[in-house]
Amino acid sequence: MPTPFLLCNRCLRDAKVHAAWTVNDGEAVCIRHAVIDFDIDDDMDEHELYEKIYSDLWESGFRNVY
């Protein structure tokens, strides 16, 4: 995990701690919340997006991401 890192604001509101990997509308968000913000209607398309993001992070050396 790169340091310093941000925490996902939405997860913190739910009493969870997950690293933020991007910013959306000025709010630091984790991968799960970033994908939710895409508002994809098809579950398979959503799954493929998760798979692509996690695969790219894995190849970049980030092995244990949420």
N, C-alpha and C. Protein backbone atom coordinates (compact mmCIF):
# COMPACT_ATOMS: atom_id res chain seq x y z
N MET A 1 0.85 -1.18 0.00
CA MET A 1 0.00 0.00 0.00
C MET A 1 0.89 1.23 0.00
N PRO A 2 0.63 2.16 -0.90
CA PRO A 2 1.43 3.38 -0.92
C PRO A 2 1.21 4.19 0.35
N THR A 3 2.21 4.88 0.81
CA THR A 3 2.04 5.73 1.98
C THR A 3 2.44 7.15 1.61
N PRO A 4 1.83 8.18 2.13
CA PRO A 4 0.62 8.07 2.94
C PRO A 4 -0.58 7.73 2.06
N PHE A 5 -1.57 7.14 2.65
CA PHE A 5 -2.75 6.77 1.88
C PHE A 5 -4.01 7.33 2.53
N LEU A 6 -5.03 7.47 1.71
CA LEU A 6 -6.33 7.94 2.19
C LEU A 6 -7.21 6.76 2.53
N LEU A 7 -8.17 6.99 3.39
CA LEU A 7 -9.17 5.98 3.70
C LEU A 7 -10.47 6.35 3.01
N CYS A 8 -11.24 5.33 2.64
CA CYS A 8 -12.53 5.54 1.99
C CYS A 8 -13.50 6.19 2.98
N ASN A 9 -14.00 7.37 2.61
CA ASN A 9 -14.92 8.09 3.49
C ASN A 9 -16.21 7.32 3.75
N ARG A 10 -16.74 6.68 2.73
CA ARG A 10 -18.00 5.94 2.90
C ARG A 10 -17.83 4.73 3.80
N CYS A 11 -16.72 4.03 3.67
CA CYS A 11 -16.46 2.89 4.55
C CYS A 11 -16.31 3.36 6.00
N LEU A 12 -15.64 4.48 6.19
CA LEU A 12 -15.47 5.00 7.55
C LEU A 12 -16.82 5.31 8.19
N ARG A 13 -17.76 5.80 7.40
CA ARG A 13 -19.11 6.08 7.93
C ARG A 13 -19.81 4.80 8.38
N ASP A 14 -19.40 3.67 7.78
CA ASP A 14 -19.96 2.36 8.15
C ASP A 14 -19.07 1.64 9.16
N ALA A 15 -18.13 2.37 9.77
CA ALA A 15 -17.20 1.82 10.77
C ALA A 15 -16.31 0.73 10.19
N LYS A 16 -15.91 0.91 8.92
CA LYS A 16 -14.98 -0.01 8.26
C LYS A 16 -13.76 0.80 7.82
N VAL A 17 -12.65 0.13 7.68
CA VAL A 17 -11.43 0.81 7.25
C VAL A 17 -10.94 0.15 5.97
N HIS A 18 -11.05 0.89 4.87
CA HIS A 18 -10.55 0.43 3.58
C HIS A 18 -9.83 1.58 2.92
N ALA A 19 -8.73 1.27 2.26
CA ALA A 19 -7.96 2.30 1.56
C ALA A 19 -8.76 2.86 0.40
N ALA A 20 -8.61 4.15 0.19
CA ALA A 20 -9.21 4.80 -0.98
C ALA A 20 -8.22 4.71 -2.13
N TRP A 21 -8.72 4.33 -3.29
CA TRP A 21 -7.85 4.19 -4.46
C TRP A 21 -8.14 5.26 -5.50
N THR A 22 -9.19 6.04 -5.29
CA THR A 22 -9.53 7.10 -6.24
C THR A 22 -10.38 8.15 -5.52
N VAL A 23 -10.65 9.22 -6.21
CA VAL A 23 -11.49 10.29 -5.68
C VAL A 23 -12.64 10.48 -6.66
N ASN A 24 -13.86 10.53 -6.14
CA ASN A 24 -15.03 10.72 -6.98
C ASN A 24 -15.88 11.83 -6.35
N ASP A 25 -16.15 12.86 -7.12
CA ASP A 25 -16.90 14.02 -6.64
C ASP A 25 -16.31 14.58 -5.36
N GLY A 26 -14.98 14.63 -5.30
CA GLY A 26 -14.30 15.21 -4.15
C GLY A 26 -14.25 14.33 -2.92
N GLU A 27 -14.65 13.06 -3.06
CA GLU A 27 -14.68 12.14 -1.92
C GLU A 27 -13.75 10.96 -2.19
N ALA A 28 -12.87 10.67 -1.24
CA ALA A 28 -11.97 9.52 -1.37
C ALA A 28 -12.79 8.24 -1.24
N VAL A 29 -12.64 7.32 -2.21
CA VAL A 29 -13.43 6.10 -2.20
C VAL A 29 -12.57 4.87 -2.49
N CYS A 30 -13.01 3.74 -1.95
CA CYS A 30 -12.36 2.45 -2.22
C CYS A 30 -12.83 1.93 -3.58
N ILE A 31 -12.28 0.81 -3.98
CA ILE A 31 -12.63 0.23 -5.27
C ILE A 31 -14.12 -0.10 -5.34
N ARG A 32 -14.64 -0.71 -4.27
CA ARG A 32 -16.05 -1.11 -4.28
C ARG A 32 -16.96 0.10 -4.49
N HIS A 33 -16.72 1.17 -3.76
CA HIS A 33 -17.56 2.35 -3.91
C HIS A 33 -17.34 3.06 -5.25
N ALA A 34 -16.13 2.99 -5.78
CA ALA A 34 -15.88 3.57 -7.10
C ALA A 34 -16.68 2.85 -8.17
N VAL A 35 -16.72 1.52 -8.09
CA VAL A 35 -17.48 0.74 -9.07
C VAL A 35 -18.98 0.99 -8.89
N ILE A 36 -19.44 1.08 -7.65
CA ILE A 36 -20.86 1.38 -7.40
C ILE A 36 -21.23 2.71 -8.05
N ASP A 37 -20.33 3.68 -8.00
CA ASP A 37 -20.61 5.00 -8.58
C ASP A 37 -20.77 4.95 -10.09
N PHE A 38 -20.25 3.92 -10.73
CA PHE A 38 -20.45 3.78 -12.18
C PHE A 38 -21.90 3.45 -12.51
N ASP A 39 -22.65 2.95 -11.52
CA ASP A 39 -24.08 2.64 -11.68
C ASP A 39 -24.32 1.72 -12.89
N ILE A 40 -23.60 0.59 -12.89
CA ILE A 40 -23.71 -0.39 -13.97
C ILE A 40 -24.92 -1.28 -13.70
N ASP A 41 -25.81 -1.39 -14.68
CA ASP A 41 -27.03 -2.17 -14.51
C ASP A 41 -26.80 -3.67 -14.65
N ASP A 42 -25.75 -4.07 -15.31
CA ASP A 42 -25.49 -5.48 -15.59
C ASP A 42 -24.47 -6.04 -14.59
N ASP A 43 -24.86 -7.07 -13.84
CA ASP A 43 -23.98 -7.66 -12.83
C ASP A 43 -22.69 -8.21 -13.44
N MET A 44 -22.78 -8.78 -14.62
CA MET A 44 -21.59 -9.34 -15.25
C MET A 44 -20.61 -8.24 -15.66
N ASP A 45 -21.13 -7.13 -16.18
CA ASP A 45 -20.27 -6.00 -16.53
C ASP A 45 -19.59 -5.44 -15.28
N GLU A 46 -20.35 -5.38 -14.19
CA GLU A 46 -19.78 -4.90 -12.93
C GLU A 46 -18.68 -5.85 -12.45
N HIS A 47 -18.93 -7.15 -12.53
CA HIS A 47 -17.94 -8.15 -12.14
C HIS A 47 -16.67 -8.02 -12.99
N GLU A 48 -16.82 -7.84 -14.27
CA GLU A 48 -15.67 -7.71 -15.16
C GLU A 48 -14.86 -6.46 -14.84
N LEU A 49 -15.52 -5.38 -14.45
CA LEU A 49 -14.82 -4.16 -14.06
C LEU A 49 -14.00 -4.40 -12.78
N TYR A 50 -14.62 -5.05 -11.78
CA TYR A 50 -13.88 -5.41 -10.57
C TYR A 50 -12.65 -6.26 -10.91
N GLU A 51 -12.87 -7.26 -11.74
CA GLU A 51 -11.79 -8.17 -12.12
C GLU A 51 -10.64 -7.42 -12.79
N LYS A 52 -10.96 -6.50 -13.67
CA LYS A 52 -9.94 -5.71 -14.37
C LYS A 52 -9.17 -4.83 -13.39
N ILE A 53 -9.86 -4.16 -12.49
CA ILE A 53 -9.20 -3.27 -11.53
C ILE A 53 -8.29 -4.07 -10.61
N TYR A 54 -8.80 -5.16 -10.04
CA TYR A 54 -7.98 -5.96 -9.13
C TYR A 54 -6.79 -6.58 -9.86
N SER A 55 -6.98 -7.00 -11.08
CA SER A 55 -5.89 -7.58 -11.87
C SER A 55 -4.80 -6.54 -12.12
N ASP A 56 -5.20 -5.34 -12.50
CA ASP A 56 -4.23 -4.27 -12.75
C ASP A 56 -3.47 -3.91 -11.47
N LEU A 57 -4.17 -3.85 -10.36
CA LEU A 57 -3.51 -3.54 -9.09
C LEU A 57 -2.55 -4.67 -8.70
N TRP A 58 -2.97 -5.91 -8.91
CA TRP A 58 -2.12 -7.06 -8.60
C TRP A 58 -0.82 -6.99 -9.40
N GLU A 59 -0.95 -6.70 -10.69
CA GLU A 59 0.23 -6.61 -11.55
C GLU A 59 1.13 -5.43 -11.18
N SER A 60 0.54 -4.42 -10.54
CA SER A 60 1.31 -3.26 -10.11
C SER A 60 1.95 -3.46 -8.75
N GLY A 61 1.73 -4.64 -8.15
CA GLY A 61 2.38 -4.95 -6.89
C GLY A 61 1.48 -4.80 -5.67
N PHE A 62 0.24 -4.45 -5.85
CA PHE A 62 -0.69 -4.31 -4.74
C PHE A 62 -1.48 -5.61 -4.62
N ARG A 63 -1.03 -6.51 -3.75
CA ARG A 63 -1.57 -7.86 -3.70
C ARG A 63 -2.78 -8.00 -2.78
N ASN A 64 -2.91 -7.14 -1.79
CA ASN A 64 -3.96 -7.32 -0.79
C ASN A 64 -4.83 -6.07 -0.72
N VAL A 65 -5.61 -5.85 -1.76
CA VAL A 65 -6.45 -4.63 -1.81
C VAL A 65 -7.91 -5.02 -1.67
N TYR A 66 -8.71 -4.04 -1.27
CA TYR A 66 -10.14 -4.24 -1.15
C TYR A 66 -10.82 -3.41 -2.20
